[in-house]
Protein backbone atom coordinates (compact mmCIF):
# COMPACT_ATOMS: atom_id res chain seq x y z
CA UNK A 1 55.04 52.23 -77.02
CA UNK A 2 51.41 51.56 -77.06
CA UNK A 3 51.94 47.88 -77.64
CA UNK A 4 54.09 47.88 -74.53
CA UNK A 5 51.42 49.65 -72.33
CA UNK A 6 48.85 47.23 -73.79
CA UNK A 7 51.04 44.18 -72.84
CA UNK A 8 51.28 45.51 -69.41
CA UNK A 9 47.64 46.07 -68.98
CA UNK A 10 47.11 42.57 -70.09
CA UNK A 11 49.62 41.13 -67.76
CA UNK A 12 48.06 43.02 -64.90
CA UNK A 13 44.63 41.69 -65.66
CA UNK A 14 46.08 38.27 -66.00
CA UNK A 15 47.70 38.72 -62.53
CA UNK A 16 44.44 40.11 -61.07
CA UNK A 17 42.60 37.07 -62.50
CA UNK A 18 44.99 34.73 -60.95
CA UNK A 19 44.51 36.49 -57.61
CA UNK A 20 40.81 36.14 -57.81
CA UNK A 21 41.15 32.60 -58.61
CA UNK A 22 43.40 32.15 -55.64
CA UNK A 23 40.98 33.91 -53.32
CA UNK A 24 38.20 31.89 -54.46
CA UNK A 25 40.18 28.64 -54.16
CA UNK A 26 41.22 29.64 -50.62
CA UNK A 27 37.63 30.39 -49.66
CA UNK A 28 36.18 27.20 -50.90
CA UNK A 29 39.13 25.01 -49.64
CA UNK A 30 38.86 26.34 -46.01
CA UNK A 31 42.01 28.48 -46.36
CA UNK A 32 44.35 25.76 -47.23
CA UNK A 33 46.13 25.15 -50.43
CA UNK A 34 45.87 21.43 -50.24
CA UNK A 35 43.21 19.63 -48.07
CA UNK A 36 44.47 17.42 -45.27
CA UNK A 37 43.34 13.81 -45.71
CA UNK A 38 41.12 12.56 -42.96
CA UNK A 39 39.73 9.07 -42.20
CA UNK A 40 36.26 7.97 -43.29
CA UNK A 41 33.38 6.57 -41.12
CA UNK A 42 30.15 5.10 -42.27
CA UNK A 43 26.62 6.43 -41.11
CA UNK A 44 23.27 4.77 -41.77
CA UNK A 45 20.00 6.54 -41.53
CA UNK A 46 16.39 5.94 -42.46
CA UNK A 47 16.26 9.41 -44.02
CA UNK A 48 19.16 11.96 -44.49
CA UNK A 49 16.57 14.73 -44.56
CA UNK A 50 18.41 16.72 -47.36
CA UNK A 51 21.87 16.13 -46.00
CA UNK A 52 24.16 16.72 -49.05
CA UNK A 53 27.82 16.29 -50.00
CA UNK A 54 30.16 18.85 -48.33
CA UNK A 55 27.86 19.60 -45.42
CA UNK A 56 29.65 20.10 -42.12
CA UNK A 57 30.03 17.56 -39.38
CA UNK A 58 30.10 19.19 -35.94
CA UNK A 59 30.95 17.87 -32.41
CA UNK A 60 30.10 20.13 -29.52
CA UNK A 61 29.58 22.93 -31.98
CA UNK A 62 33.08 22.60 -33.48
CA UNK A 63 33.59 21.46 -37.14
CA UNK A 64 35.50 18.30 -37.23
CA UNK A 65 34.90 17.26 -40.90
CA UNK A 66 32.43 17.17 -43.78
CA UNK A 67 30.20 14.80 -45.51
CA UNK A 68 32.13 13.17 -48.22
CA UNK A 69 29.28 11.32 -49.96
CA UNK A 70 25.53 10.41 -49.74
CA UNK A 71 24.20 7.34 -51.19
CA UNK A 72 21.42 4.73 -51.14
CA UNK A 73 22.33 1.19 -50.30
CA UNK A 74 20.10 -1.82 -49.25
CA UNK A 75 16.96 0.55 -48.58
CA UNK A 76 18.98 2.63 -46.22
CA UNK A 77 20.51 6.02 -46.63
CA UNK A 78 24.31 6.08 -46.23
CA UNK A 79 26.58 8.91 -45.56
CA UNK A 80 30.41 8.60 -45.84
CA UNK A 81 31.90 11.01 -43.29
CA UNK A 82 35.30 12.50 -43.62
CA UNK A 83 36.75 13.21 -40.19
CA UNK A 84 39.85 15.40 -39.76
CA UNK A 85 43.09 13.79 -38.64
CA UNK A 86 43.68 13.88 -34.87
CA UNK A 87 40.02 13.91 -34.06
CA UNK A 88 39.17 10.70 -32.02
CA UNK A 89 35.59 9.72 -31.61
CA UNK A 90 34.50 7.17 -29.00
CA UNK A 91 32.72 4.20 -30.00
CA UNK A 92 29.45 5.12 -28.18
CA UNK A 93 29.11 8.51 -30.01
CA UNK A 94 25.90 8.98 -31.91
CA UNK A 95 25.57 10.74 -35.25
CA UNK A 96 22.30 12.70 -36.14
CA UNK A 97 21.05 14.97 -38.85
CA UNK A 98 20.42 18.54 -37.43
CA UNK A 99 18.96 21.67 -38.82
CA UNK A 100 21.45 24.48 -39.29
CA UNK A 101 18.92 27.34 -39.95
CA UNK A 102 15.39 27.97 -40.78
CA UNK A 103 16.28 27.95 -44.36
CA UNK A 104 16.49 24.32 -44.40
CA UNK A 105 20.14 23.81 -44.50
CA UNK A 106 21.45 20.80 -42.47
CA UNK A 107 24.56 19.40 -40.84
CA UNK A 108 25.62 16.25 -39.10
CA UNK A 109 25.96 16.52 -35.41
CA UNK A 110 28.13 13.83 -33.48
CA UNK A 111 27.84 13.63 -29.78
CA UNK A 112 31.08 13.83 -27.64
CA UNK A 113 30.64 10.21 -26.29
CA UNK A 114 32.21 8.83 -23.05
CA UNK A 115 35.74 9.12 -22.00
CA UNK A 116 37.83 6.04 -21.52
CA UNK A 117 36.29 4.03 -24.30
CA UNK A 118 38.01 2.81 -27.46
CA UNK A 119 37.89 5.12 -30.45
CA UNK A 120 36.19 4.23 -33.76
CA UNK A 121 38.64 3.02 -36.29
CA UNK A 122 38.92 4.24 -39.99
CA UNK A 123 36.01 2.59 -42.04
CA UNK A 124 33.99 1.77 -38.94
CA UNK A 125 30.09 2.35 -38.67
CA UNK A 126 29.01 5.03 -36.19
CA UNK A 127 25.79 4.75 -34.29
CA UNK A 128 22.95 6.91 -35.53
CA UNK A 129 19.74 8.33 -34.25
CA UNK A 130 16.78 9.66 -36.29
CA UNK A 131 15.57 13.21 -35.58
CA UNK A 132 12.33 14.85 -36.04
CA UNK A 133 11.98 16.60 -39.30
CA UNK A 134 10.36 20.09 -39.27
CA UNK A 135 8.17 19.12 -42.46
CA UNK A 136 6.82 16.17 -40.27
CA UNK A 137 6.01 18.42 -37.38
CA UNK A 138 4.20 20.82 -39.59
CA UNK A 139 2.24 17.95 -41.29
CA UNK A 140 1.26 16.49 -37.82
CA UNK A 141 0.20 20.04 -36.58
CA UNK A 142 -1.94 20.28 -39.77
CA UNK A 143 -3.47 16.92 -39.16
CA UNK A 144 -4.00 17.81 -35.62
CA UNK A 145 -5.78 21.05 -36.62
CA UNK A 146 -8.00 18.99 -38.85
CA UNK A 147 -8.96 16.61 -36.15
CA UNK A 148 -9.71 19.49 -33.57
CA UNK A 149 -12.02 21.13 -36.28
CA UNK A 150 -13.89 17.71 -36.78
CA UNK A 151 -14.10 17.25 -32.97
CA UNK A 152 -15.63 20.78 -32.55
CA UNK A 153 -18.01 20.07 -35.45
CA UNK A 154 -19.10 16.79 -33.91
CA UNK A 155 -19.75 18.46 -30.63
CA UNK A 156 -21.78 21.15 -32.32
CA UNK A 157 -23.80 18.60 -34.16
CA UNK A 158 -24.53 16.68 -30.84
CA UNK A 159 -25.60 19.85 -29.27
CA UNK A 160 -28.18 20.56 -32.13
CA UNK A 161 -26.14 22.97 -34.17
CA UNK A 162 -24.62 23.00 -37.59
CA UNK A 163 -21.51 24.88 -36.73
CA UNK A 164 -19.18 25.49 -33.83
CA UNK A 165 -20.71 28.94 -33.05
CA UNK A 166 -23.80 27.26 -31.77
CA UNK A 167 -21.91 25.70 -28.95
CA UNK A 168 -21.15 28.88 -27.43
CA UNK A 169 -24.88 30.06 -27.83
CA UNK A 170 -25.89 26.84 -26.14
CA UNK A 171 -23.40 27.38 -23.20
CA UNK A 172 -24.56 31.11 -22.95
CA UNK A 173 -28.22 29.93 -22.83
CA UNK A 174 -27.47 27.40 -20.22
CA UNK A 175 -25.76 29.90 -17.98
CA UNK A 176 -28.62 32.38 -18.54
CA UNK A 177 -31.32 29.84 -17.80
CA UNK A 178 -29.61 28.48 -14.63
CA UNK A 179 -28.32 31.89 -13.40
CA UNK A 180 -30.55 32.15 -10.35
CA UNK A 181 -29.75 28.51 -9.37
CA UNK A 182 -26.13 29.00 -9.65
CA UNK A 183 -26.52 32.28 -7.59
CA UNK A 184 -28.45 30.30 -4.93
CA UNK A 185 -25.90 27.58 -4.88
CA UNK A 186 -22.96 30.00 -4.44
CA UNK A 187 -24.82 31.67 -1.61
CA UNK A 188 -25.36 28.29 0.13
CA UNK A 189 -21.76 27.48 -0.20
CA UNK A 190 -20.85 30.75 1.39
CA UNK A 191 -23.09 30.06 4.28
CA UNK A 192 -21.57 26.64 4.73
CA UNK A 193 -18.06 27.99 4.75
CA UNK A 194 -19.08 30.65 7.16
CA UNK A 195 -20.53 28.11 9.60
CA UNK A 196 -17.48 25.90 9.28
CA UNK A 197 -15.14 29.05 9.93
CA UNK A 198 -17.36 29.87 13.05
CA UNK A 199 -16.95 26.31 14.28
CA UNK A 200 -20.65 25.28 13.84
CA UNK A 201 -21.30 21.66 13.19
CA UNK A 202 -19.21 18.59 13.27
CA UNK A 203 -16.89 19.69 10.32
CA UNK A 204 -16.68 23.21 12.01
CA UNK A 205 -15.53 21.75 15.26
CA UNK A 206 -13.16 19.30 13.69
CA UNK A 207 -11.66 22.26 11.68
CA UNK A 208 -11.52 24.86 14.50
CA UNK A 209 -11.24 22.79 17.80
CA UNK A 210 -7.67 21.76 18.23
CA UNK A 211 -8.85 19.23 21.12
CA UNK A 212 -11.29 17.43 19.01
CA UNK A 213 -8.55 17.14 16.34
CA UNK A 214 -6.06 15.89 18.88
CA UNK A 215 -8.64 13.36 20.23
CA UNK A 216 -9.27 12.29 16.56
CA UNK A 217 -5.56 11.73 16.04
CA UNK A 218 -5.38 9.83 19.30
CA UNK A 219 -8.24 7.58 18.32
CA UNK A 220 -6.57 6.98 14.86
CA UNK A 221 -3.34 6.07 16.72
CA UNK A 222 -5.19 3.72 18.88
CA UNK A 223 -6.86 2.07 15.84
CA UNK A 224 -3.41 1.72 14.26
CA UNK A 225 -2.12 0.03 17.48
CA UNK A 226 -4.99 -2.27 17.49
CA UNK A 227 -4.49 -3.10 13.86
CA UNK A 228 -0.86 -3.75 14.59
CA UNK A 229 -1.73 -6.02 17.51
CA UNK A 230 -4.24 -7.89 15.24
CA UNK A 231 -1.61 -8.23 12.55
CA UNK A 232 0.81 -9.62 15.21
CA UNK A 233 -1.90 -12.16 16.52
CA UNK A 234 -2.66 -13.16 13.06
CA UNK A 235 1.11 -13.55 12.33
CA UNK A 236 1.53 -15.77 15.34
CA UNK A 237 -1.50 -17.83 14.57
CA UNK A 238 -0.03 -18.34 11.23
CA UNK A 239 3.31 -19.33 12.70
CA UNK A 240 1.42 -21.84 14.96
CA UNK A 241 -0.52 -23.19 12.17
CA UNK A 242 2.70 -23.67 10.03
CA UNK A 243 4.35 -25.51 13.02
CA UNK A 244 1.41 -27.71 13.39
CA UNK A 245 1.54 -28.32 9.53
CA UNK A 246 5.13 -29.10 9.87
CA UNK A 247 4.53 -31.65 12.45
CA UNK A 248 6.27 -29.85 15.28
CA UNK A 249 5.26 -29.77 18.91
CA UNK A 250 2.86 -31.95 20.65
CA UNK A 251 -0.13 -30.88 18.67
CA UNK A 252 1.71 -31.20 15.44
CA UNK A 253 2.86 -34.53 16.10
CA UNK A 254 -0.47 -35.68 17.32
CA UNK A 255 -2.11 -34.26 14.09
CA UNK A 256 0.48 -35.10 11.38
CA UNK A 257 2.70 -37.96 13.02
CA UNK A 258 1.17 -41.39 12.21
CA UNK A 259 3.20 -43.14 14.90
CA UNK A 260 2.13 -40.73 17.51
CA UNK A 261 -1.39 -41.00 16.38
CA UNK A 262 -1.17 -44.79 16.43
CA UNK A 263 0.15 -44.62 20.06
CA UNK A 264 -2.64 -42.29 21.23
CA UNK A 265 -5.25 -44.72 19.73
CA UNK A 266 -3.45 -47.48 21.43
CA UNK A 267 -3.39 -45.74 24.88
CA UNK A 268 -7.13 -44.84 24.46
CA UNK A 269 -7.95 -48.50 23.71
CA UNK A 270 -6.08 -49.62 26.63
CA UNK A 271 -7.83 -46.97 28.91
CA UNK A 272 -11.12 -48.22 27.65
CA UNK A 273 -10.31 -51.85 28.32
CA UNK A 274 -9.20 -51.00 31.89
CA UNK A 275 -12.45 -48.96 32.48
CA UNK A 276 -14.41 -51.93 31.07
CA UNK A 277 -12.83 -54.28 33.56
CA UNK A 278 -13.28 -51.98 36.46
CA UNK A 279 -17.02 -51.70 35.57
CA UNK A 280 -17.16 -55.50 35.49
CA UNK A 281 -15.48 -55.94 38.68
CA UNK A 282 -12.38 -57.72 37.22
CA UNK A 283 -9.12 -57.50 39.15
CA UNK A 284 -8.33 -56.25 42.61
CA UNK A 285 -9.33 -52.55 41.90
CA UNK A 286 -12.53 -53.69 40.03
CA UNK A 287 -13.40 -55.79 43.23
CA UNK A 288 -12.68 -52.95 45.44
CA UNK A 289 -14.94 -50.66 43.26
CA UNK A 290 -17.85 -53.08 42.61
CA UNK A 291 -17.85 -55.57 45.48
CA UNK A 292 -19.06 -54.11 48.83
CA UNK A 293 -18.25 -57.35 50.93
CA UNK A 294 -14.63 -56.38 51.14
CA UNK A 295 -15.61 -53.13 52.55
CA UNK A 296 -17.89 -54.97 55.15
CA UNK A 297 -15.19 -57.27 56.04
CA UNK A 298 -12.73 -54.25 56.42
CA UNK A 299 -15.32 -52.66 58.79
CA UNK A 300 -15.53 -55.82 60.93
CA UNK A 301 -11.77 -56.10 61.27
CA UNK A 302 -11.65 -52.57 62.48
CA UNK A 303 -14.34 -53.29 65.06
CA UNK A 304 -12.31 -56.24 66.33
CA UNK A 305 -9.23 -54.05 66.70
CA UNK A 306 -11.10 -51.58 68.54
CA UNK A 307 -12.23 -54.19 71.12
CA UNK A 308 -8.81 -55.60 71.35
CA UNK A 309 -7.31 -52.31 72.17
CA UNK A 310 -9.95 -51.56 74.81
CA UNK A 311 -9.16 -55.01 76.48
CA UNK A 312 -5.49 -54.07 76.65
CA UNK A 313 -5.79 -51.06 78.67
CA UNK A 314 -4.36 -52.71 81.78
CA UNK A 315 -1.90 -55.07 80.18
CA UNK A 316 1.60 -54.56 79.00
CA UNK A 317 2.87 -54.25 75.37
CA UNK A 318 3.68 -57.93 74.86
CA UNK A 319 0.29 -59.05 76.21
CA UNK A 320 -1.50 -56.54 74.17
CA UNK A 321 0.12 -57.73 71.01
CA UNK A 322 -0.66 -61.30 71.87
CA UNK A 323 -4.34 -60.44 72.61
CA UNK A 324 -4.63 -58.42 69.36
CA UNK A 325 -3.22 -61.21 67.30
CA UNK A 326 -5.63 -63.52 68.98
CA UNK A 327 -8.48 -61.32 68.29
CA UNK A 328 -7.58 -61.09 64.73
CA UNK A 329 -6.74 -64.42 63.85
């Protein structure tokens, strides 16, 4: 009887042990008897920052897998990722090591990526981004504090003190010694602002007189208009210069066209030759200009015509023509 009870107790303890093993196995295995096999991705980092095998992989805060293995290869830290079946990751997604808690535990965070892009295939390498480590931040803050302390010490030495407390003493002494001057300066500033408020002086009128303000704005507008006209004039002048440089127009052709310049020189030369001949009395026009005998002959002829006309006053037209012809020839 005692042996039977002892056997039952042993059997119950054995079953209880199996139950405890089952609960432990289920807890460690995520509530599944057999793990589902996912596909693997490779992620390369400069530093894994304490990421370990079995750490979770999250996307948008949802667990999509775990870190299967971490290793060092080609001076790079590599992490082999195990992604659950049915989870598709776009090829522009980025993986980064993130801190899970202040205790130092980490996990791998993968961005959602863009829609409409191809998915990463098993064995592919996912893009990575290095994140700031808290230890690095604390170290930088510590170095920054040391630098600030050094700067404060240098300032204290430059002001004649051996410690940072002397800086405040110097500042307090400076304010105490110059207190009356500061009070007088503030009083003067108050008087100036009161005058401006009451409209005294140029600045006061400019601030308080709206008409003066409007006149000033009108003057500024006129200045802007004049500047615009000046820019237009300069632009037109530049356009004219460009046309002249391009040989366009009469002036451009005269300046840059060799044929036109040659023709102008030839015309000037011919004009000079004509003027020289006129001065020398050559040709009919030159004789008319230089020889006054033709003028005297013309005057004599006109006098003869006048006498002939006077003699024809009582004669007919035919007789008048004959007499005039006789008188002339």
